[in-house]
Amino acid sequence: MLQRFEAIVPGKLGILSLWRGTLAVSALTAALLMAGCKSTPPQSAAAATPHAQAALYPPRPSVPPPAFNVFHHDASSITLVTKEDATDDEIESLIWQLRDAAHAHAFDTLKISQKLVDGRDHKIWFHIYRGSKCASEKYASGPPPCGGSYHAAGDYTFGSYTSPEADNGALLHGEDHETELWDPDAPYAAQPTRSLGN
């Protein structure tokens, strides 16, 4: 086609040759771009992959746990009641005290039946309340004493369907938020300096 155009327009060969060269360079540039030539260097795999943030757990409190009473128990749960003004640190200390007793098989020292804990069907829950006002909400008949939400200050669970030594502890901040106190997948490490007495 270009040769026919050159025959029709004599004397314009220089312009047409220049045009033909420009077309060749454009075609080469397009081929390189299609072949994957990129103007920015690729990101490294480490920079492209976000790192998972390790969960942070609060340190074990140094305050002593508050005194408590066993308010209620059945085959799968034990409800404990502390003073109404127990602090978060005191509730956390109590949960840690329960954990120590669970792994030392020393619930009797806390006036909690070790036999009841040992007879659990895989798992047992400890529900910790500040005061007794709402403590019957998980088992009493009739309307819940404090409304239709969960009012415990903390929870401790011991045992699971896959491991009798698994446990989890959490400080509760209302029904929708909790603070886990340790990594439930990490093995328990005894705290020899802690007293199990109440």
C-alpha atoms as a PDB file:
ATOM      1  CA  MET A   1       0.000   0.000   0.000  1.00  0.00           C
ATOM      2  CA  LEU A   2       2.801   2.389   0.891  1.00  0.00           C
ATOM      3  CA  GLN A   3       4.590   1.596  -2.392  1.00  0.00           C
ATOM      4  CA  ARG A   4       1.436   2.447  -4.388  1.00  0.00           C
ATOM      5  CA  PHE A   5       1.198   5.744  -2.499  1.00  0.00           C
ATOM      6  CA  GLU A   6       4.866   6.494  -3.318  1.00  0.00           C
ATOM      7  CA  ALA A   7       4.144   5.894  -7.008  1.00  0.00           C
ATOM      8  CA  ILE A   8       1.213   8.295  -6.914  1.00  0.00           C
ATOM      9  CA  VAL A   9       3.071  11.045  -5.004  1.00  0.00           C
ATOM     10  CA  PRO A  10       6.554  11.240  -6.567  1.00  0.00           C
ATOM     11  CA  GLY A  11       9.229  13.282  -4.802  1.00  0.00           C
ATOM     12  CA  LYS A  12       7.869  12.661  -1.324  1.00  0.00           C
ATOM     13  CA  LEU A  13      10.051   9.625  -0.641  1.00  0.00           C
ATOM     14  CA  GLY A  14      12.008  11.328   2.156  1.00  0.00           C
ATOM     15  CA  ILE A  15       8.846  12.109   4.105  1.00  0.00           C
ATOM     16  CA  LEU A  16       7.427   8.651   3.522  1.00  0.00           C
ATOM     17  CA  SER A  17      10.685   6.963   4.552  1.00  0.00           C
ATOM     18  CA  LEU A  18      10.688   9.045   7.740  1.00  0.00           C
ATOM     19  CA  TRP A  19       7.056   8.089   8.342  1.00  0.00           C
ATOM     20  CA  ARG A  20       7.901   4.402   7.749  1.00  0.00           C
ATOM     21  CA  GLY A  21      10.780   4.631  10.317  1.00  0.00           C
ATOM     22  CA  THR A  22       8.494   6.288  12.885  1.00  0.00           C
ATOM     23  CA  LEU A  23       5.959   3.507  12.412  1.00  0.00           C
ATOM     24  CA  ALA A  24       8.664   0.875  13.002  1.00  0.00           C
ATOM     25  CA  VAL A  25       9.831   2.551  16.246  1.00  0.00           C
ATOM     26  CA  SER A  26       6.215   2.879  17.455  1.00  0.00           C
ATOM     27  CA  ALA A  27       5.558  -0.788  16.680  1.00  0.00           C
ATOM     28  CA  LEU A  28       8.713  -1.826  18.586  1.00  0.00           C
ATOM     29  CA  THR A  29       7.718   0.311  21.609  1.00  0.00           C
ATOM     30  CA  ALA A  30       4.212  -1.170  21.640  1.00  0.00           C
ATOM     31  CA  ALA A  31       5.647  -4.707  21.445  1.00  0.00           C
ATOM     32  CA  LEU A  32       7.939  -4.052  24.425  1.00  0.00           C
ATOM     33  CA  LEU A  33       5.085  -2.647  26.487  1.00  0.00           C
ATOM     34  CA  MET A  34       2.904  -5.637  25.673  1.00  0.00           C
ATOM     35  CA  ALA A  35       5.762  -7.963  26.602  1.00  0.00           C
ATOM     36  CA  GLY A  36       5.756  -6.665  30.149  1.00  0.00           C
ATOM     37  CA  CYS A  37       8.150  -3.773  30.275  1.00  0.00           C
ATOM     38  CA  LYS A  38       7.142  -1.782  33.345  1.00  0.00           C
ATOM     39  CA  SER A  39       8.131   1.702  34.353  1.00  0.00           C
ATOM     40  CA  THR A  40       8.023   0.932  38.113  1.00  0.00           C
ATOM     41  CA  PRO A  41       9.970  -1.867  39.772  1.00  0.00           C
ATOM     42  CA  PRO A  42       7.903  -4.722  41.235  1.00  0.00           C
ATOM     43  CA  GLN A  43       7.309  -4.730  44.990  1.00  0.00           C
ATOM     44  CA  SER A  44       9.119  -7.363  46.944  1.00  0.00           C
ATOM     45  CA  ALA A  45       6.993 -10.180  48.385  1.00  0.00           C
ATOM     46  CA  ALA A  46       7.812  -9.062  51.947  1.00  0.00           C
ATOM     47  CA  ALA A  47       6.570  -5.533  51.317  1.00  0.00           C
ATOM     48  CA  ALA A  48       3.419  -6.705  49.547  1.00  0.00           C
ATOM     49  CA  THR A  49       2.360  -9.160  52.270  1.00  0.00           C
ATOM     50  CA  PRO A  50       1.041  -7.495  55.431  1.00  0.00           C
ATOM     51  CA  HIS A  51       2.382  -8.970  58.677  1.00  0.00           C
ATOM     52  CA  ALA A  52      -0.164 -10.270  61.168  1.00  0.00           C
ATOM     53  CA  GLN A  53       0.016  -8.292  64.403  1.00  0.00           C
ATOM     54  CA  ALA A  54       0.682 -10.457  67.426  1.00  0.00           C
ATOM     55  CA  ALA A  55      -2.055 -10.298  70.023  1.00  0.00           C
ATOM     56  CA  LEU A  56      -1.066  -8.356  73.098  1.00  0.00           C
ATOM     57  CA  TYR A  57      -2.170  -9.576  76.496  1.00  0.00           C
ATOM     58  CA  PRO A  58      -2.111  -7.478  79.659  1.00  0.00           C
ATOM     59  CA  PRO A  59       0.514  -8.329  82.274  1.00  0.00           C
ATOM     60  CA  ARG A  60      -0.645 -10.320  85.254  1.00  0.00           C
ATOM     61  CA  PRO A  61      -1.768  -7.844  87.944  1.00  0.00           C
ATOM     62  CA  SER A  62       0.230  -7.621  91.156  1.00  0.00           C
ATOM     63  CA  VAL A  63      -2.795  -6.823  93.364  1.00  0.00           C
ATOM     64  CA  PRO A  64      -4.271  -9.667  95.413  1.00  0.00           C
ATOM     65  CA  PRO A  65      -7.555 -11.199  94.239  1.00  0.00           C
ATOM     66  CA  PRO A  66     -10.684 -10.131  96.099  1.00  0.00           C
ATOM     67  CA  ALA A  67     -12.520 -12.433  98.476  1.00  0.00           C
ATOM     68  CA  PHE A  68     -15.421 -14.269  96.808  1.00  0.00           C
ATOM     69  CA  ASN A  69     -18.301 -16.614  97.554  1.00  0.00           C
ATOM     70  CA  VAL A  70     -19.599 -19.498  95.471  1.00  0.00           C
ATOM     71  CA  PHE A  71     -23.036 -18.136  94.611  1.00  0.00           C
ATOM     72  CA  HIS A  72     -24.256 -21.095  92.538  1.00  0.00           C
ATOM     73  CA  HIS A  73     -22.935 -24.178  90.778  1.00  0.00           C
ATOM     74  CA  ASP A  74     -24.131 -26.983  88.572  1.00  0.00           C
ATOM     75  CA  ALA A  75     -22.379 -29.665  86.515  1.00  0.00           C
ATOM     76  CA  SER A  76     -20.980 -27.202  83.945  1.00  0.00           C
ATOM     77  CA  SER A  77     -20.667 -23.813  85.628  1.00  0.00           C
ATOM     78  CA  ILE A  78     -19.760 -22.093  88.864  1.00  0.00           C
ATOM     79  CA  THR A  79     -20.893 -18.557  89.649  1.00  0.00           C
ATOM     80  CA  LEU A  80     -18.645 -16.536  91.947  1.00  0.00           C
ATOM     81  CA  VAL A  81     -19.526 -13.233  93.618  1.00  0.00           C
ATOM     82  CA  THR A  82     -16.968 -10.647  94.778  1.00  0.00           C
ATOM     83  CA  LYS A  83     -17.425  -7.279  96.456  1.00  0.00           C
ATOM     84  CA  GLU A  84     -19.395  -4.783  94.382  1.00  0.00           C
ATOM     85  CA  ASP A  85     -16.505  -2.354  93.984  1.00  0.00           C
ATOM     86  CA  ALA A  86     -13.864  -4.899  92.883  1.00  0.00           C
ATOM     87  CA  THR A  87     -11.457  -3.282  90.429  1.00  0.00           C
ATOM     88  CA  ASP A  88     -10.588  -4.685  87.012  1.00  0.00           C
ATOM     89  CA  ASP A  89      -7.140  -5.633  88.334  1.00  0.00           C
ATOM     90  CA  GLU A  90      -8.734  -7.530  91.239  1.00  0.00           C
ATOM     91  CA  ILE A  91     -11.066  -9.404  88.877  1.00  0.00           C
ATOM     92  CA  GLU A  92      -8.079 -10.249  86.639  1.00  0.00           C
ATOM     93  CA  SER A  93      -6.148 -11.487  89.700  1.00  0.00           C
ATOM     94  CA  LEU A  94      -9.057 -13.716  90.645  1.00  0.00           C
ATOM     95  CA  ILE A  95      -9.165 -15.200  87.145  1.00  0.00           C
ATOM     96  CA  TRP A  96      -5.421 -15.886  87.341  1.00  0.00           C
ATOM     97  CA  GLN A  97      -5.947 -17.456  90.786  1.00  0.00           C
ATOM     98  CA  LEU A  98      -8.565 -19.773  89.296  1.00  0.00           C
ATOM     99  CA  ARG A  99      -6.150 -20.689  86.520  1.00  0.00           C
ATOM    100  CA  ASP A 100      -3.404 -21.544  89.001  1.00  0.00           C
ATOM    101  CA  ALA A 101      -5.820 -23.664  91.055  1.00  0.00           C
ATOM    102  CA  ALA A 102      -7.072 -25.460  87.935  1.00  0.00           C
ATOM    103  CA  HIS A 103      -3.609 -26.545  86.849  1.00  0.00           C
ATOM    104  CA  ALA A 104      -2.474 -27.393  90.395  1.00  0.00           C
ATOM    105  CA  HIS A 105      -5.718 -29.340  91.064  1.00  0.00           C
ATOM    106  CA  ALA A 106      -6.105 -27.162  94.155  1.00  0.00           C
ATOM    107  CA  PHE A 107      -9.660 -25.786  93.962  1.00  0.00           C
ATOM    108  CA  ASP A 108     -10.393 -27.157  97.427  1.00  0.00           C
ATOM    109  CA  THR A 109      -7.956 -24.556  98.845  1.00  0.00           C
ATOM    110  CA  LEU A 110     -10.269 -21.886  97.406  1.00  0.00           C
ATOM    111  CA  LYS A 111     -13.374 -23.535  98.906  1.00  0.00           C
ATOM    112  CA  ILE A 112     -14.478 -24.667  95.435  1.00  0.00           C
ATOM    113  CA  SER A 113     -15.182 -28.376  95.005  1.00  0.00           C
ATOM    114  CA  GLN A 114     -12.256 -30.030  93.225  1.00  0.00           C
ATOM    115  CA  LYS A 115     -14.484 -33.078  92.789  1.00  0.00           C
ATOM    116  CA  LEU A 116     -17.030 -30.947  90.894  1.00  0.00           C
ATOM    117  CA  VAL A 117     -14.306 -29.560  88.612  1.00  0.00           C
ATOM    118  CA  ASP A 118     -12.803 -33.014  88.036  1.00  0.00           C
ATOM    119  CA  GLY A 119     -16.247 -34.412  87.166  1.00  0.00           C
ATOM    120  CA  ARG A 120     -16.880 -31.812  84.440  1.00  0.00           C
ATOM    121  CA  ASP A 121     -18.032 -32.924  81.004  1.00  0.00           C
ATOM    122  CA  HIS A 122     -15.001 -31.613  79.073  1.00  0.00           C
ATOM    123  CA  LYS A 123     -15.359 -27.974  80.163  1.00  0.00           C
ATOM    124  CA  ILE A 124     -16.458 -25.914  83.157  1.00  0.00           C
ATOM    125  CA  TRP A 125     -17.224 -22.194  83.196  1.00  0.00           C
ATOM    126  CA  PHE A 126     -16.581 -19.781  86.064  1.00  0.00           C
ATOM    127  CA  HIS A 127     -18.718 -16.628  85.905  1.00  0.00           C
ATOM    128  CA  ILE A 128     -17.493 -13.813  88.159  1.00  0.00           C
ATOM    129  CA  TYR A 129     -19.842 -11.029  89.269  1.00  0.00           C
ATOM    130  CA  ARG A 130     -19.326  -7.831  91.216  1.00  0.00           C
ATOM    131  CA  GLY A 131     -22.000  -8.221  93.881  1.00  0.00           C
ATOM    132  CA  SER A 132     -24.931 -10.631  93.791  1.00  0.00           C
ATOM    133  CA  LYS A 133     -27.569  -8.441  92.106  1.00  0.00           C
ATOM    134  CA  CYS A 134     -27.162  -9.962  88.614  1.00  0.00           C
ATOM    135  CA  ALA A 135     -25.449 -13.246  89.568  1.00  0.00           C
ATOM    136  CA  SER A 136     -28.515 -15.450  89.022  1.00  0.00           C
ATOM    137  CA  GLU A 137     -29.082 -14.305  85.422  1.00  0.00           C
ATOM    138  CA  LYS A 138     -27.701 -17.455  83.754  1.00  0.00           C
ATOM    139  CA  TYR A 139     -29.849 -19.994  85.577  1.00  0.00           C
ATOM    140  CA  ALA A 140     -32.777 -18.442  87.485  1.00  0.00           C
ATOM    141  CA  SER A 141     -36.277 -18.843  86.104  1.00  0.00           C
ATOM    142  CA  GLY A 142     -38.299 -15.794  85.196  1.00  0.00           C
ATOM    143  CA  PRO A 143     -37.041 -12.519  83.763  1.00  0.00           C
ATOM    144  CA  PRO A 144     -33.289 -11.833  84.199  1.00  0.00           C
ATOM    145  CA  PRO A 145     -32.660  -9.714  87.314  1.00  0.00           C
ATOM    146  CA  CYS A 146     -30.637  -7.053  85.441  1.00  0.00           C
ATOM    147  CA  GLY A 147     -32.157  -7.159  81.963  1.00  0.00           C
ATOM    148  CA  GLY A 148     -31.530  -9.256  78.912  1.00  0.00           C
ATOM    149  CA  SER A 149     -27.745  -8.946  78.605  1.00  0.00           C
ATOM    150  CA  TYR A 150     -24.769 -10.584  80.328  1.00  0.00           C
ATOM    151  CA  HIS A 151     -23.460  -8.650  83.344  1.00  0.00           C
ATOM    152  CA  ALA A 152     -20.501 -10.700  84.585  1.00  0.00           C
ATOM    153  CA  ALA A 153     -17.200  -8.918  85.271  1.00  0.00           C
ATOM    154  CA  GLY A 154     -15.025 -11.829  84.163  1.00  0.00           C
ATOM    155  CA  ASP A 155     -15.061 -15.416  82.904  1.00  0.00           C
ATOM    156  CA  TYR A 156     -12.709 -18.350  83.246  1.00  0.00           C
ATOM    157  CA  THR A 157     -13.148 -21.626  81.355  1.00  0.00           C
ATOM    158  CA  PHE A 158     -11.211 -24.792  82.087  1.00  0.00           C
ATOM    159  CA  GLY A 159     -11.047 -27.753  79.736  1.00  0.00           C
ATOM    160  CA  SER A 160     -12.258 -28.222  76.178  1.00  0.00           C
ATOM    161  CA  TYR A 161     -13.464 -30.984  73.894  1.00  0.00           C
ATOM    162  CA  THR A 162      -9.901 -31.484  72.626  1.00  0.00           C
ATOM    163  CA  SER A 163      -7.822 -30.873  75.784  1.00  0.00           C
ATOM    164  CA  PRO A 164      -8.698 -31.213  79.485  1.00  0.00           C
ATOM    165  CA  GLU A 165      -5.980 -28.650  80.369  1.00  0.00           C
ATOM    166  CA  ALA A 166      -7.020 -25.933  77.906  1.00  0.00           C
ATOM    167  CA  ASP A 167      -8.210 -22.721  79.507  1.00  0.00           C
ATOM    168  CA  ASN A 168      -9.191 -19.163  78.762  1.00  0.00           C
ATOM    169  CA  GLY A 169      -9.673 -16.097  80.908  1.00  0.00           C
ATOM    170  CA  ALA A 170     -11.289 -12.778  80.034  1.00  0.00           C
ATOM    171  CA  LEU A 171     -12.136  -9.509  81.711  1.00  0.00           C
ATOM    172  CA  LEU A 172     -15.562  -8.413  80.473  1.00  0.00           C
ATOM    173  CA  HIS A 173     -16.474  -4.836  79.590  1.00  0.00           C
ATOM    174  CA  GLY A 174     -20.169  -5.138  78.851  1.00  0.00           C
ATOM    175  CA  GLU A 175     -21.650  -7.719  76.526  1.00  0.00           C
ATOM    176  CA  ASP A 176     -19.787  -6.691  73.384  1.00  0.00           C
ATOM    177  CA  HIS A 177     -16.191  -6.287  74.552  1.00  0.00           C
ATOM    178  CA  GLU A 178     -13.728  -8.422  76.463  1.00  0.00           C
ATOM    179  CA  THR A 179     -10.002  -8.472  77.167  1.00  0.00           C
ATOM    180  CA  GLU A 180      -8.360 -11.881  76.913  1.00  0.00           C
ATOM    181  CA  LEU A 181      -5.805 -12.248  79.687  1.00  0.00           C
ATOM    182  CA  TRP A 182      -3.459 -14.766  78.032  1.00  0.00           C
ATOM    183  CA  ASP A 183      -2.982 -16.713  74.838  1.00  0.00           C
ATOM    184  CA  PRO A 184      -5.399 -19.660  75.128  1.00  0.00           C
ATOM    185  CA  ASP A 185      -3.221 -21.703  72.748  1.00  0.00           C
ATOM    186  CA  ALA A 186      -0.038 -21.296  74.804  1.00  0.00           C
ATOM    187  CA  PRO A 187       0.731 -23.924  77.451  1.00  0.00           C
ATOM    188  CA  TYR A 188       0.221 -22.972  81.080  1.00  0.00           C
ATOM    189  CA  ALA A 189       3.354 -22.004  83.023  1.00  0.00           C
ATOM    190  CA  ALA A 190       3.105 -22.285  86.805  1.00  0.00           C
ATOM    191  CA  GLN A 191       3.586 -19.158  88.879  1.00  0.00           C
ATOM    192  CA  PRO A 192       5.411 -20.484  91.968  1.00  0.00           C
ATOM    193  CA  THR A 193       5.430 -17.175  93.834  1.00  0.00           C
ATOM    194  CA  ARG A 194       1.627 -16.884  93.819  1.00  0.00           C
ATOM    195  CA  SER A 195      -0.460 -18.079  96.740  1.00  0.00           C
ATOM    196  CA  LEU A 196      -3.572 -20.123  96.014  1.00  0.00           C
ATOM    197  CA  GLY A 197      -5.188 -19.208  99.316  1.00  0.00           C
ATOM    198  CA  ASN A 198      -8.088 -16.761  99.454  1.00  0.00           C
END
